[in-house]
Amino acid sequence: MASVASSSSKPSADILTQLSNVLPTSTFLALQMLAPLATNNGICGATERSMTGITLLVLSAFCCLSCFTDSYRAENGTVYCGVVTSRGLWNPNLKHAITAGGGQLAGVSGSTYTGGGTKYQLEFADVVNATLSVIALAIASLFTAPVSTCFWPKLSDSISKTVPLLAGMVVSGFCAFGTSTRHGIGFMIAHHAHPQSENSADQSADPSRHSVSCIIAK
């Protein structure tokens, strides 16, 4: 019975994991921490509205950018996170990255990793996921206190509770059937140890071989 329950719950767990990858949960939590300061706890004048709008724009831009990031593990043991482009995964640190033998990383051309084929190239699905994430963040933010009380102080409770719920259901439905395969900022691929054949002394002497290189700090 336990194995049956475990196997039946796995698809749901996979969907929830993918949803947390696409939906702007961390960005929304960051906004909830900054909103009381930007909105003066919902008592807004022109200055507070401007500050709140700027905060929303900055977080929305970060939310959008994170949808175009991915990561891969190079042969030197470092996990590189970058921006997906039409050529491949772009990270300025790749230009200076070297292997244990001192050579250039395989599949790297300048600052772009092109060895993954189309996996790390920009796709239409990335644009869709970024659009849905920004829409979800905007609706959840604008209809949640204290941001809602700042822009719409007379907004009814029924609207402020219903609109985010409906929007979340619609966006989650799209994301559940068209989940993202990216492992970008906040969801980078896990680091694994080097093969047993490698010298453990060399690994401990070179900490960069067990590091993560990302264009944006998490």
N, C-alpha and C. Protein backbone atom coordinates (compact mmCIF):
# COMPACT_ATOMS: atom_id res chain seq x y z
N MET A 1 0.82 -1.21 0.00
CA MET A 1 0.00 0.00 0.00
C MET A 1 0.85 1.25 0.00
N ALA A 2 1.97 1.17 0.74
CA ALA A 2 2.84 2.35 0.84
C ALA A 2 3.45 2.68 -0.50
N SER A 3 3.85 1.62 -1.26
CA SER A 3 4.45 1.86 -2.57
C SER A 3 3.45 2.44 -3.54
N VAL A 4 2.17 1.96 -3.45
CA VAL A 4 1.13 2.49 -4.32
C VAL A 4 0.87 3.95 -4.02
N ALA A 5 0.81 4.30 -2.73
CA ALA A 5 0.58 5.70 -2.34
C ALA A 5 1.72 6.57 -2.77
N SER A 6 2.96 6.01 -2.67
CA SER A 6 4.13 6.80 -3.06
C SER A 6 4.15 7.07 -4.54
N SER A 7 3.82 6.03 -5.35
CA SER A 7 3.82 6.21 -6.80
C SER A 7 2.71 7.12 -7.26
N SER A 8 1.55 7.08 -6.60
CA SER A 8 0.44 7.93 -7.02
C SER A 8 0.65 9.37 -6.63
N SER A 9 1.43 9.60 -5.58
CA SER A 9 1.67 10.98 -5.14
C SER A 9 2.82 11.63 -5.89
N LYS A 10 3.62 10.83 -6.61
CA LYS A 10 4.76 11.39 -7.31
C LYS A 10 4.36 12.38 -8.40
N PRO A 11 3.36 12.09 -9.27
CA PRO A 11 2.98 13.08 -10.29
C PRO A 11 2.55 14.40 -9.68
N SER A 12 1.81 14.34 -8.57
CA SER A 12 1.38 15.58 -7.92
C SER A 12 2.57 16.35 -7.38
N ALA A 13 3.54 15.62 -6.81
CA ALA A 13 4.73 16.28 -6.29
C ALA A 13 5.53 16.92 -7.41
N ASP A 14 5.62 16.22 -8.57
CA ASP A 14 6.35 16.78 -9.70
C ASP A 14 5.68 18.05 -10.20
N ILE A 15 4.35 18.05 -10.27
CA ILE A 15 3.62 19.23 -10.73
C ILE A 15 3.84 20.40 -9.78
N LEU A 16 3.76 20.13 -8.47
CA LEU A 16 3.96 21.19 -7.48
C LEU A 16 5.37 21.75 -7.56
N THR A 17 6.35 20.87 -7.80
CA THR A 17 7.73 21.34 -7.94
C THR A 17 7.88 22.23 -9.15
N GLN A 18 7.27 21.85 -10.27
CA GLN A 18 7.34 22.66 -11.48
C GLN A 18 6.61 23.99 -11.29
N LEU A 19 5.49 23.96 -10.59
CA LEU A 19 4.76 25.20 -10.34
C LEU A 19 5.58 26.17 -9.51
N SER A 20 6.26 25.66 -8.49
CA SER A 20 7.09 26.53 -7.67
C SER A 20 8.27 27.07 -8.45
N ASN A 21 8.66 26.35 -9.53
CA ASN A 21 9.73 26.82 -10.39
C ASN A 21 9.28 27.98 -11.25
N VAL A 22 8.02 27.94 -11.69
CA VAL A 22 7.51 28.96 -12.62
C VAL A 22 6.88 30.13 -11.89
N LEU A 23 6.03 29.85 -10.90
CA LEU A 23 5.32 30.92 -10.21
C LEU A 23 6.29 31.74 -9.35
N PRO A 24 6.07 33.05 -9.26
CA PRO A 24 7.00 33.95 -8.57
C PRO A 24 6.81 33.94 -7.05
N THR A 25 6.92 32.78 -6.43
CA THR A 25 6.66 32.69 -4.99
C THR A 25 7.68 33.49 -4.17
N SER A 26 8.97 33.31 -4.47
CA SER A 26 10.01 34.02 -3.71
C SER A 26 9.94 35.52 -3.93
N THR A 27 9.68 35.93 -5.17
CA THR A 27 9.58 37.36 -5.47
C THR A 27 8.40 37.98 -4.76
N PHE A 28 7.29 37.25 -4.69
CA PHE A 28 6.11 37.76 -3.99
C PHE A 28 6.37 37.89 -2.50
N LEU A 29 7.09 36.94 -1.92
CA LEU A 29 7.43 37.03 -0.50
C LEU A 29 8.36 38.22 -0.24
N ALA A 30 9.27 38.47 -1.18
CA ALA A 30 10.15 39.63 -1.04
C ALA A 30 9.36 40.93 -1.08
N LEU A 31 8.35 40.97 -1.95
CA LEU A 31 7.50 42.16 -2.03
C LEU A 31 6.72 42.36 -0.73
N GLN A 32 6.26 41.26 -0.15
CA GLN A 32 5.51 41.37 1.10
C GLN A 32 6.36 41.92 2.23
N MET A 33 7.65 41.68 2.17
CA MET A 33 8.55 42.24 3.19
C MET A 33 8.85 43.71 2.93
N LEU A 34 8.91 44.08 1.64
CA LEU A 34 9.25 45.47 1.30
C LEU A 34 8.03 46.38 1.25
N ALA A 35 6.86 45.81 1.03
CA ALA A 35 5.65 46.61 0.84
C ALA A 35 5.31 47.51 2.03
N PRO A 36 5.40 47.04 3.27
CA PRO A 36 5.09 47.95 4.39
C PRO A 36 5.98 49.18 4.44
N LEU A 37 7.22 49.03 4.04
CA LEU A 37 8.13 50.18 4.02
C LEU A 37 7.81 51.12 2.86
N ALA A 38 7.58 50.55 1.67
CA ALA A 38 7.31 51.37 0.49
C ALA A 38 5.97 52.09 0.58
N THR A 39 4.97 51.43 1.18
CA THR A 39 3.62 51.99 1.22
C THR A 39 3.31 52.73 2.52
N ASN A 40 4.28 52.76 3.43
CA ASN A 40 4.03 53.36 4.75
C ASN A 40 2.84 52.67 5.43
N ASN A 41 2.87 51.32 5.36
CA ASN A 41 1.81 50.49 5.93
C ASN A 41 0.43 50.79 5.35
N GLY A 42 0.41 51.11 4.06
CA GLY A 42 -0.86 51.33 3.37
C GLY A 42 -1.36 52.76 3.41
N ILE A 43 -0.68 53.64 4.15
CA ILE A 43 -1.08 55.06 4.21
C ILE A 43 -0.24 55.79 3.17
N CYS A 44 -0.75 55.88 1.97
CA CYS A 44 0.06 56.33 0.84
C CYS A 44 -0.27 57.74 0.39
N GLY A 45 0.79 58.47 0.09
CA GLY A 45 0.69 59.72 -0.63
C GLY A 45 1.34 59.53 -1.99
N ALA A 46 1.65 60.61 -2.66
CA ALA A 46 2.26 60.52 -3.99
C ALA A 46 3.64 59.86 -3.92
N THR A 47 4.40 60.18 -2.88
CA THR A 47 5.75 59.60 -2.74
C THR A 47 5.68 58.10 -2.52
N GLU A 48 4.79 57.69 -1.64
CA GLU A 48 4.66 56.26 -1.34
C GLU A 48 4.18 55.47 -2.57
N ARG A 49 3.28 56.06 -3.34
CA ARG A 49 2.81 55.37 -4.55
C ARG A 49 3.95 55.22 -5.55
N SER A 50 4.77 56.25 -5.67
CA SER A 50 5.92 56.18 -6.59
C SER A 50 6.90 55.11 -6.14
N MET A 51 7.21 55.09 -4.85
CA MET A 51 8.15 54.10 -4.33
C MET A 51 7.60 52.67 -4.49
N THR A 52 6.31 52.52 -4.26
CA THR A 52 5.69 51.19 -4.42
C THR A 52 5.72 50.76 -5.89
N GLY A 53 5.44 51.69 -6.79
CA GLY A 53 5.48 51.37 -8.21
C GLY A 53 6.87 50.98 -8.66
N ILE A 54 7.89 51.70 -8.18
CA ILE A 54 9.27 51.37 -8.54
C ILE A 54 9.65 50.00 -8.00
N THR A 55 9.23 49.71 -6.76
CA THR A 55 9.52 48.40 -6.18
C THR A 55 8.88 47.28 -6.99
N LEU A 56 7.64 47.48 -7.42
CA LEU A 56 6.95 46.49 -8.25
C LEU A 56 7.67 46.28 -9.59
N LEU A 57 8.12 47.37 -10.19
CA LEU A 57 8.81 47.27 -11.48
C LEU A 57 10.13 46.52 -11.34
N VAL A 58 10.88 46.82 -10.30
CA VAL A 58 12.18 46.16 -10.10
C VAL A 58 11.99 44.66 -9.86
N LEU A 59 11.05 44.31 -8.99
CA LEU A 59 10.82 42.90 -8.70
C LEU A 59 10.23 42.17 -9.92
N SER A 60 9.39 42.85 -10.68
CA SER A 60 8.84 42.24 -11.89
C SER A 60 9.94 41.98 -12.92
N ALA A 61 10.88 42.93 -13.03
CA ALA A 61 11.99 42.75 -13.96
C ALA A 61 12.87 41.57 -13.54
N PHE A 62 13.12 41.45 -12.24
CA PHE A 62 13.91 40.32 -11.76
C PHE A 62 13.17 39.00 -11.98
N CYS A 63 11.86 39.03 -11.74
CA CYS A 63 11.04 37.84 -11.95
C CYS A 63 11.08 37.42 -13.42
N CYS A 64 10.99 38.38 -14.31
CA CYS A 64 11.03 38.10 -15.74
C CYS A 64 12.40 37.56 -16.16
N LEU A 65 13.47 38.20 -15.67
CA LEU A 65 14.82 37.77 -16.04
C LEU A 65 15.11 36.36 -15.56
N SER A 66 14.64 36.02 -14.37
CA SER A 66 14.93 34.69 -13.83
C SER A 66 14.33 33.58 -14.67
N CYS A 67 13.28 33.89 -15.42
CA CYS A 67 12.66 32.88 -16.30
C CYS A 67 13.53 32.57 -17.50
N PHE A 68 14.52 33.40 -17.78
CA PHE A 68 15.42 33.19 -18.91
C PHE A 68 16.79 32.72 -18.45
N THR A 69 16.88 32.17 -17.26
CA THR A 69 18.15 31.67 -16.76
C THR A 69 18.12 30.14 -16.67
N ASP A 70 19.28 29.54 -16.78
CA ASP A 70 19.42 28.10 -16.67
C ASP A 70 20.83 27.81 -16.15
N SER A 71 21.11 26.56 -15.89
CA SER A 71 22.42 26.20 -15.34
C SER A 71 22.86 24.86 -15.88
N TYR A 72 24.18 24.65 -15.90
CA TYR A 72 24.73 23.35 -16.30
C TYR A 72 26.00 23.08 -15.52
N ARG A 73 26.36 21.82 -15.40
CA ARG A 73 27.55 21.42 -14.66
C ARG A 73 28.67 21.13 -15.64
N ALA A 74 29.76 21.88 -15.55
CA ALA A 74 30.89 21.69 -16.45
C ALA A 74 31.78 20.55 -15.96
N GLU A 75 32.73 20.16 -16.81
CA GLU A 75 33.60 19.04 -16.44
C GLU A 75 34.59 19.39 -15.34
N ASN A 76 34.76 20.67 -15.04
CA ASN A 76 35.64 21.05 -13.93
C ASN A 76 34.92 21.02 -12.58
N GLY A 77 33.65 20.61 -12.57
CA GLY A 77 32.90 20.48 -11.32
C GLY A 77 32.10 21.70 -10.93
N THR A 78 32.24 22.79 -11.67
CA THR A 78 31.53 24.02 -11.34
C THR A 78 30.17 24.05 -12.02
N VAL A 79 29.17 24.51 -11.27
CA VAL A 79 27.84 24.70 -11.84
C VAL A 79 27.72 26.14 -12.29
N TYR A 80 27.51 26.33 -13.59
CA TYR A 80 27.43 27.67 -14.16
C TYR A 80 25.97 28.02 -14.44
N CYS A 81 25.57 29.18 -13.96
CA CYS A 81 24.22 29.70 -14.20
C CYS A 81 24.32 30.90 -15.13
N GLY A 82 23.47 30.96 -16.12
CA GLY A 82 23.54 32.06 -17.06
C GLY A 82 22.20 32.34 -17.70
N VAL A 83 22.22 33.19 -18.70
CA VAL A 83 21.02 33.61 -19.43
C VAL A 83 20.96 32.84 -20.74
N VAL A 84 19.79 32.27 -21.03
CA VAL A 84 19.63 31.55 -22.29
C VAL A 84 19.50 32.56 -23.42
N THR A 85 20.21 32.32 -24.51
CA THR A 85 20.19 33.18 -25.68
C THR A 85 19.92 32.33 -26.92
N SER A 86 19.91 32.96 -28.07
CA SER A 86 19.69 32.22 -29.32
C SER A 86 20.86 31.29 -29.64
N ARG A 87 22.03 31.56 -29.04
CA ARG A 87 23.22 30.72 -29.28
C ARG A 87 23.39 29.65 -28.22
N GLY A 88 23.03 29.96 -26.98
CA GLY A 88 23.25 29.04 -25.87
C GLY A 88 23.19 29.76 -24.54
N LEU A 89 23.85 29.19 -23.53
CA LEU A 89 23.82 29.73 -22.19
C LEU A 89 24.96 30.74 -22.01
N TRP A 90 24.60 32.00 -21.74
CA TRP A 90 25.60 33.07 -21.64
C TRP A 90 25.94 33.36 -20.19
N ASN A 91 27.23 33.32 -19.88
CA ASN A 91 27.76 33.66 -18.57
C ASN A 91 29.14 34.25 -18.78
N PRO A 92 29.38 35.50 -18.37
CA PRO A 92 30.69 36.12 -18.62
C PRO A 92 31.85 35.39 -17.96
N ASN A 93 31.57 34.60 -16.92
CA ASN A 93 32.64 33.86 -16.25
C ASN A 93 33.15 32.69 -17.08
N LEU A 94 32.37 32.24 -18.05
CA LEU A 94 32.79 31.11 -18.87
C LEU A 94 34.02 31.44 -19.71
N LYS A 95 34.20 32.72 -20.03
CA LYS A 95 35.34 33.13 -20.85
C LYS A 95 36.66 32.81 -20.16
N HIS A 96 36.66 32.85 -18.83
CA HIS A 96 37.89 32.63 -18.07
C HIS A 96 37.92 31.26 -17.41
N ALA A 97 36.91 30.43 -17.61
CA ALA A 97 36.85 29.11 -16.96
C ALA A 97 37.81 28.15 -17.65
N ILE A 98 38.45 27.29 -16.85
CA ILE A 98 39.39 26.31 -17.37
C ILE A 98 39.11 24.95 -16.74
N THR A 99 39.59 23.91 -17.37
CA THR A 99 39.46 22.57 -16.85
C THR A 99 40.58 22.29 -15.86
N ALA A 100 40.55 21.09 -15.27
CA ALA A 100 41.61 20.71 -14.32
C ALA A 100 42.97 20.68 -15.01
N GLY A 101 42.98 20.38 -16.32
CA GLY A 101 44.23 20.35 -17.05
C GLY A 101 44.68 21.68 -17.59
N GLY A 102 43.91 22.72 -17.35
CA GLY A 102 44.28 24.06 -17.80
C GLY A 102 43.73 24.44 -19.15
N GLY A 103 42.92 23.59 -19.76
CA GLY A 103 42.36 23.91 -21.06
C GLY A 103 40.99 24.56 -20.95
N GLN A 104 40.44 24.95 -22.09
CA GLN A 104 39.13 25.57 -22.11
C GLN A 104 38.04 24.52 -21.95
N LEU A 105 36.94 24.92 -21.33
CA LEU A 105 35.83 24.01 -21.13
C LEU A 105 35.24 23.58 -22.47
N ALA A 106 34.83 22.32 -22.54
CA ALA A 106 34.25 21.80 -23.77
C ALA A 106 32.91 22.46 -24.04
N GLY A 107 32.68 22.79 -25.30
CA GLY A 107 31.40 23.37 -25.69
C GLY A 107 31.25 24.85 -25.42
N VAL A 108 32.32 25.50 -24.97
CA VAL A 108 32.27 26.92 -24.63
C VAL A 108 32.89 27.74 -25.76
N SER A 109 32.14 28.74 -26.21
CA SER A 109 32.63 29.66 -27.23
C SER A 109 32.54 31.08 -26.68
N GLY A 110 33.66 31.63 -26.31
CA GLY A 110 33.67 32.95 -25.68
C GLY A 110 33.05 32.88 -24.31
N SER A 111 31.93 33.58 -24.11
CA SER A 111 31.21 33.55 -22.83
C SER A 111 29.93 32.74 -22.91
N THR A 112 29.78 31.96 -23.96
CA THR A 112 28.54 31.21 -24.18
C THR A 112 28.80 29.72 -24.25
N TYR A 113 27.99 28.96 -23.53
CA TYR A 113 28.06 27.50 -23.60
C TYR A 113 27.09 27.02 -24.68
N THR A 114 27.65 26.43 -25.73
CA THR A 114 26.84 25.98 -26.86
C THR A 114 26.82 24.46 -26.97
N GLY A 115 27.43 23.76 -26.00
CA GLY A 115 27.53 22.31 -26.09
C GLY A 115 26.24 21.57 -25.80
N GLY A 116 25.25 22.26 -25.27
CA GLY A 116 23.99 21.59 -24.95
C GLY A 116 23.00 21.55 -26.08
N GLY A 117 23.40 21.96 -27.26
CA GLY A 117 22.48 21.98 -28.39
C GLY A 117 21.38 23.01 -28.19
N THR A 118 20.15 22.61 -28.46
CA THR A 118 19.02 23.53 -28.32
C THR A 118 18.50 23.62 -26.89
N LYS A 119 19.03 22.79 -25.98
CA LYS A 119 18.54 22.77 -24.60
C LYS A 119 18.69 24.11 -23.93
N TYR A 120 19.80 24.81 -24.20
CA TYR A 120 20.07 26.07 -23.54
C TYR A 120 19.84 27.27 -24.45
N GLN A 121 19.10 27.06 -25.52
CA GLN A 121 18.77 28.16 -26.42
C GLN A 121 17.40 28.74 -26.08
N LEU A 122 17.23 30.01 -26.39
CA LEU A 122 15.98 30.71 -26.10
C LEU A 122 14.83 30.09 -26.87
N GLU A 123 13.72 29.84 -26.16
CA GLU A 123 12.54 29.24 -26.77
C GLU A 123 11.32 30.11 -26.52
N PHE A 124 10.29 29.86 -27.31
CA PHE A 124 9.03 30.60 -27.14
C PHE A 124 8.41 30.30 -25.78
N ALA A 125 8.62 29.08 -25.28
CA ALA A 125 8.08 28.71 -23.97
C ALA A 125 8.67 29.58 -22.86
N ASP A 126 9.90 30.02 -23.02
CA ASP A 126 10.51 30.90 -22.02
C ASP A 126 9.77 32.23 -21.95
N VAL A 127 9.38 32.76 -23.10
CA VAL A 127 8.63 34.02 -23.14
C VAL A 127 7.26 33.85 -22.49
N VAL A 128 6.62 32.70 -22.77
CA VAL A 128 5.31 32.43 -22.19
C VAL A 128 5.41 32.33 -20.67
N ASN A 129 6.40 31.58 -20.18
CA ASN A 129 6.57 31.42 -18.74
C ASN A 129 6.88 32.75 -18.06
N ALA A 130 7.71 33.57 -18.70
CA ALA A 130 8.04 34.88 -18.14
C ALA A 130 6.80 35.77 -18.08
N THR A 131 5.99 35.73 -19.13
CA THR A 131 4.77 36.54 -19.16
C THR A 131 3.79 36.12 -18.08
N LEU A 132 3.59 34.80 -17.94
CA LEU A 132 2.68 34.30 -16.92
C LEU A 132 3.18 34.61 -15.51
N SER A 133 4.48 34.54 -15.31
CA SER A 133 5.04 34.83 -13.99
C SER A 133 4.84 36.28 -13.61
N VAL A 134 5.08 37.18 -14.56
CA VAL A 134 4.90 38.61 -14.29
C VAL A 134 3.43 38.93 -14.04
N ILE A 135 2.54 38.32 -14.83
CA ILE A 135 1.10 38.54 -14.63
C ILE A 135 0.67 38.06 -13.24
N ALA A 136 1.13 36.87 -12.86
CA ALA A 136 0.79 36.33 -11.55
C ALA A 136 1.31 37.22 -10.43
N LEU A 137 2.54 37.71 -10.57
CA LEU A 137 3.12 38.59 -9.56
C LEU A 137 2.36 39.90 -9.47
N ALA A 138 2.03 40.47 -10.62
CA ALA A 138 1.34 41.76 -10.63
C ALA A 138 -0.03 41.66 -9.98
N ILE A 139 -0.81 40.63 -10.35
CA ILE A 139 -2.15 40.48 -9.79
C ILE A 139 -2.10 40.18 -8.30
N ALA A 140 -1.22 39.26 -7.90
CA ALA A 140 -1.12 38.92 -6.49
C ALA A 140 -0.66 40.11 -5.65
N SER A 141 0.18 40.95 -6.22
CA SER A 141 0.69 42.11 -5.48
C SER A 141 -0.32 43.24 -5.41
N LEU A 142 -0.92 43.56 -6.54
CA LEU A 142 -1.81 44.71 -6.60
C LEU A 142 -3.12 44.49 -5.85
N PHE A 143 -3.48 43.23 -5.63
CA PHE A 143 -4.74 42.96 -4.94
C PHE A 143 -4.52 42.40 -3.52
N THR A 144 -3.32 42.62 -2.99
CA THR A 144 -2.99 42.18 -1.64
C THR A 144 -2.52 43.38 -0.83
N ALA A 145 -3.05 43.51 0.39
CA ALA A 145 -2.63 44.59 1.27
C ALA A 145 -1.14 44.40 1.64
N PRO A 146 -0.40 45.52 1.85
CA PRO A 146 -0.85 46.91 1.84
C PRO A 146 -0.79 47.60 0.49
N VAL A 147 -0.37 46.86 -0.58
CA VAL A 147 -0.28 47.48 -1.90
C VAL A 147 -1.66 47.86 -2.40
N SER A 148 -2.63 46.99 -2.21
CA SER A 148 -3.99 47.28 -2.69
C SER A 148 -4.58 48.50 -1.99
N THR A 149 -4.34 48.64 -0.68
CA THR A 149 -4.87 49.80 0.05
C THR A 149 -4.16 51.07 -0.34
N CYS A 150 -2.97 50.92 -0.89
CA CYS A 150 -2.22 52.11 -1.33
C CYS A 150 -2.77 52.65 -2.65
N PHE A 151 -3.06 51.76 -3.60
CA PHE A 151 -3.53 52.19 -4.91
C PHE A 151 -5.05 52.28 -4.98
N TRP A 152 -5.73 51.33 -4.31
CA TRP A 152 -7.20 51.32 -4.33
C TRP A 152 -7.73 51.20 -2.91
N PRO A 153 -7.75 52.28 -2.16
CA PRO A 153 -8.19 52.19 -0.75
C PRO A 153 -9.66 51.80 -0.57
N LYS A 154 -10.47 51.99 -1.61
CA LYS A 154 -11.89 51.66 -1.50
C LYS A 154 -12.24 50.33 -2.17
N LEU A 155 -11.25 49.53 -2.48
CA LEU A 155 -11.49 48.25 -3.14
C LEU A 155 -12.21 47.30 -2.18
N SER A 156 -13.25 46.65 -2.67
CA SER A 156 -14.02 45.76 -1.82
C SER A 156 -13.25 44.50 -1.49
N ASP A 157 -13.57 43.90 -0.36
CA ASP A 157 -12.89 42.69 0.08
C ASP A 157 -13.15 41.52 -0.86
N SER A 158 -14.33 41.44 -1.42
CA SER A 158 -14.66 40.33 -2.32
C SER A 158 -13.78 40.33 -3.56
N ILE A 159 -13.52 41.53 -4.11
CA ILE A 159 -12.66 41.62 -5.29
C ILE A 159 -11.22 41.29 -4.93
N SER A 160 -10.73 41.84 -3.83
CA SER A 160 -9.34 41.62 -3.44
C SER A 160 -9.05 40.17 -3.10
N LYS A 161 -10.08 39.42 -2.71
CA LYS A 161 -9.89 38.00 -2.40
C LYS A 161 -10.13 37.09 -3.59
N THR A 162 -11.05 37.50 -4.47
CA THR A 162 -11.44 36.63 -5.58
C THR A 162 -10.48 36.71 -6.76
N VAL A 163 -10.09 37.93 -7.14
CA VAL A 163 -9.26 38.11 -8.34
C VAL A 163 -7.92 37.38 -8.23
N PRO A 164 -7.14 37.53 -7.13
CA PRO A 164 -5.88 36.78 -7.04
C PRO A 164 -6.08 35.28 -7.07
N LEU A 165 -7.17 34.80 -6.46
CA LEU A 165 -7.43 33.36 -6.44
C LEU A 165 -7.71 32.83 -7.84
N LEU A 166 -8.56 33.54 -8.59
CA LEU A 166 -8.88 33.11 -9.95
C LEU A 166 -7.66 33.20 -10.87
N ALA A 167 -6.91 34.27 -10.74
CA ALA A 167 -5.70 34.43 -11.56
C ALA A 167 -4.68 33.34 -11.24
N GLY A 168 -4.55 33.01 -9.96
CA GLY A 168 -3.62 31.96 -9.58
C GLY A 168 -4.02 30.60 -10.14
N MET A 169 -5.33 30.33 -10.15
CA MET A 169 -5.82 29.06 -10.70
C MET A 169 -5.57 28.98 -12.20
N VAL A 170 -5.81 30.07 -12.90
CA VAL A 170 -5.62 30.07 -14.36
C VAL A 170 -4.15 29.91 -14.71
N VAL A 171 -3.28 30.72 -14.06
CA VAL A 171 -1.85 30.64 -14.34
C VAL A 171 -1.29 29.28 -13.95
N SER A 172 -1.72 28.76 -12.81
CA SER A 172 -1.24 27.44 -12.36
C SER A 172 -1.67 26.35 -13.34
N GLY A 173 -2.88 26.49 -13.91
CA GLY A 173 -3.34 25.52 -14.88
C GLY A 173 -2.47 25.50 -16.12
N PHE A 174 -2.12 26.67 -16.63
CA PHE A 174 -1.23 26.74 -17.79
C PHE A 174 0.13 26.16 -17.46
N CYS A 175 0.66 26.52 -16.29
CA CYS A 175 2.01 26.08 -15.92
C CYS A 175 2.06 24.58 -15.66
N ALA A 176 0.96 24.01 -15.14
CA ALA A 176 0.94 22.57 -14.83
C ALA A 176 1.03 21.73 -16.09
N PHE A 177 0.45 22.22 -17.21
CA PHE A 177 0.46 21.45 -18.45
C PHE A 177 1.57 21.89 -19.40
N GLY A 178 2.25 22.98 -19.07
CA GLY A 178 3.37 23.42 -19.90
C GLY A 178 4.52 23.86 -19.02
N THR A 179 4.97 22.95 -18.16
CA THR A 179 5.97 23.29 -17.15
C THR A 179 7.32 23.60 -17.77
N SER A 180 8.08 24.41 -17.07
CA SER A 180 9.40 24.81 -17.53
C SER A 180 10.43 23.77 -17.14
N THR A 181 11.40 23.53 -18.02
CA THR A 181 12.49 22.59 -17.74
C THR A 181 13.76 23.32 -17.32
N ARG A 182 13.67 24.63 -17.12
CA ARG A 182 14.84 25.40 -16.76
C ARG A 182 15.23 25.17 -15.30
N HIS A 183 16.53 25.29 -15.05
CA HIS A 183 17.05 25.22 -13.68
C HIS A 183 17.85 26.51 -13.44
N GLY A 184 17.12 27.61 -13.38
CA GLY A 184 17.75 28.92 -13.27
C GLY A 184 17.91 29.36 -11.83
N ILE A 185 17.89 30.68 -11.64
CA ILE A 185 18.12 31.27 -10.33
C ILE A 185 17.07 30.77 -9.34
N GLY A 186 17.54 30.26 -8.23
CA GLY A 186 16.66 29.72 -7.20
C GLY A 186 16.35 28.25 -7.36
N PHE A 187 16.57 27.69 -8.57
CA PHE A 187 16.29 26.27 -8.82
C PHE A 187 17.42 25.65 -9.63
N MET A 188 18.66 26.01 -9.31
CA MET A 188 19.80 25.52 -10.06
C MET A 188 20.00 24.02 -9.81
N ILE A 189 20.62 23.37 -10.78
CA ILE A 189 20.86 21.94 -10.67
C ILE A 189 21.78 21.66 -9.49
N ALA A 190 21.57 20.50 -8.86
CA ALA A 190 22.34 20.14 -7.68
C ALA A 190 23.75 19.75 -8.08
N HIS A 191 24.68 20.04 -7.16
CA HIS A 191 26.07 19.69 -7.41
C HIS A 191 26.33 18.27 -6.95
N HIS A 192 27.05 17.50 -7.77
CA HIS A 192 27.40 16.13 -7.41
C HIS A 192 28.90 16.02 -7.26
N ALA A 193 29.30 15.06 -6.49
CA ALA A 193 30.73 14.87 -6.27
C ALA A 193 31.41 14.39 -7.55
N HIS A 194 32.72 14.57 -7.60
CA HIS A 194 33.49 14.12 -8.75
C HIS A 194 33.60 12.61 -8.75
N PRO A 195 33.88 12.02 -9.87
CA PRO A 195 34.04 10.58 -9.93
C PRO A 195 35.12 10.09 -8.99
N GLN A 196 35.05 8.80 -8.58
CA GLN A 196 35.99 8.25 -7.64
C GLN A 196 37.40 8.20 -8.20
N SER A 197 37.51 8.18 -9.52
CA SER A 197 38.83 8.08 -10.13
C SER A 197 39.65 9.32 -9.95
N GLU A 198 39.05 10.45 -9.65
CA GLU A 198 39.78 11.69 -9.49
C GLU A 198 40.47 11.73 -8.15
N ASN A 199 41.56 12.42 -8.09
CA ASN A 199 42.36 12.51 -6.88
C ASN A 199 41.65 13.39 -5.87
N SER A 200 41.36 12.84 -4.68
CA SER A 200 40.64 13.60 -3.67
C SER A 200 41.46 14.75 -3.14
N ALA A 201 42.78 14.59 -3.15
CA ALA A 201 43.64 15.69 -2.67
C ALA A 201 43.56 16.88 -3.59
N ASP A 202 43.49 16.60 -4.91
CA ASP A 202 43.36 17.70 -5.87
C ASP A 202 42.05 18.42 -5.68
N GLN A 203 40.97 17.66 -5.35
CA GLN A 203 39.67 18.27 -5.18
C GLN A 203 39.66 19.21 -3.99
N SER A 204 40.25 18.80 -2.89
CA SER A 204 40.27 19.63 -1.69
C SER A 204 41.19 20.81 -1.84
N ALA A 205 42.21 20.68 -2.69
CA ALA A 205 43.16 21.78 -2.87
C ALA A 205 42.61 22.85 -3.78
N ASP A 206 41.62 22.51 -4.59
CA ASP A 206 41.06 23.47 -5.54
C ASP A 206 39.57 23.65 -5.23
N PRO A 207 39.21 24.58 -4.34
CA PRO A 207 37.80 24.75 -3.96
C PRO A 207 36.93 25.21 -5.09
N SER A 208 37.51 25.81 -6.13
CA SER A 208 36.70 26.32 -7.24
C SER A 208 36.04 25.19 -8.01
N ARG A 209 36.58 23.96 -7.85
CA ARG A 209 36.02 22.83 -8.57
C ARG A 209 34.72 22.36 -7.92
N HIS A 210 34.40 22.87 -6.77
CA HIS A 210 33.15 22.53 -6.11
C HIS A 210 32.32 23.79 -5.90
N SER A 211 32.39 24.70 -6.82
CA SER A 211 31.73 25.99 -6.62
C SER A 211 30.60 26.18 -7.61
N VAL A 212 29.91 27.30 -7.42
CA VAL A 212 28.82 27.68 -8.30
C VAL A 212 29.12 29.05 -8.86
N SER A 213 29.01 29.20 -10.16
CA SER A 213 29.25 30.48 -10.80
C SER A 213 27.97 30.96 -11.44
N CYS A 214 27.48 32.10 -10.99
CA CYS A 214 26.21 32.62 -11.50
C CYS A 214 26.38 34.09 -11.82
N ILE A 215 25.66 34.59 -12.83
CA ILE A 215 25.78 35.99 -13.21
C ILE A 215 25.07 36.88 -12.22
N ILE A 216 24.11 36.32 -11.46
CA ILE A 216 23.36 37.08 -10.47
C ILE A 216 23.38 36.31 -9.17
N ALA A 217 23.75 36.95 -8.10
CA ALA A 217 23.76 36.28 -6.80
C ALA A 217 22.34 35.95 -6.37
N LYS A 218 22.16 34.80 -5.77
CA LYS A 218 20.83 34.40 -5.33
C LYS A 218 20.43 35.17 -4.08
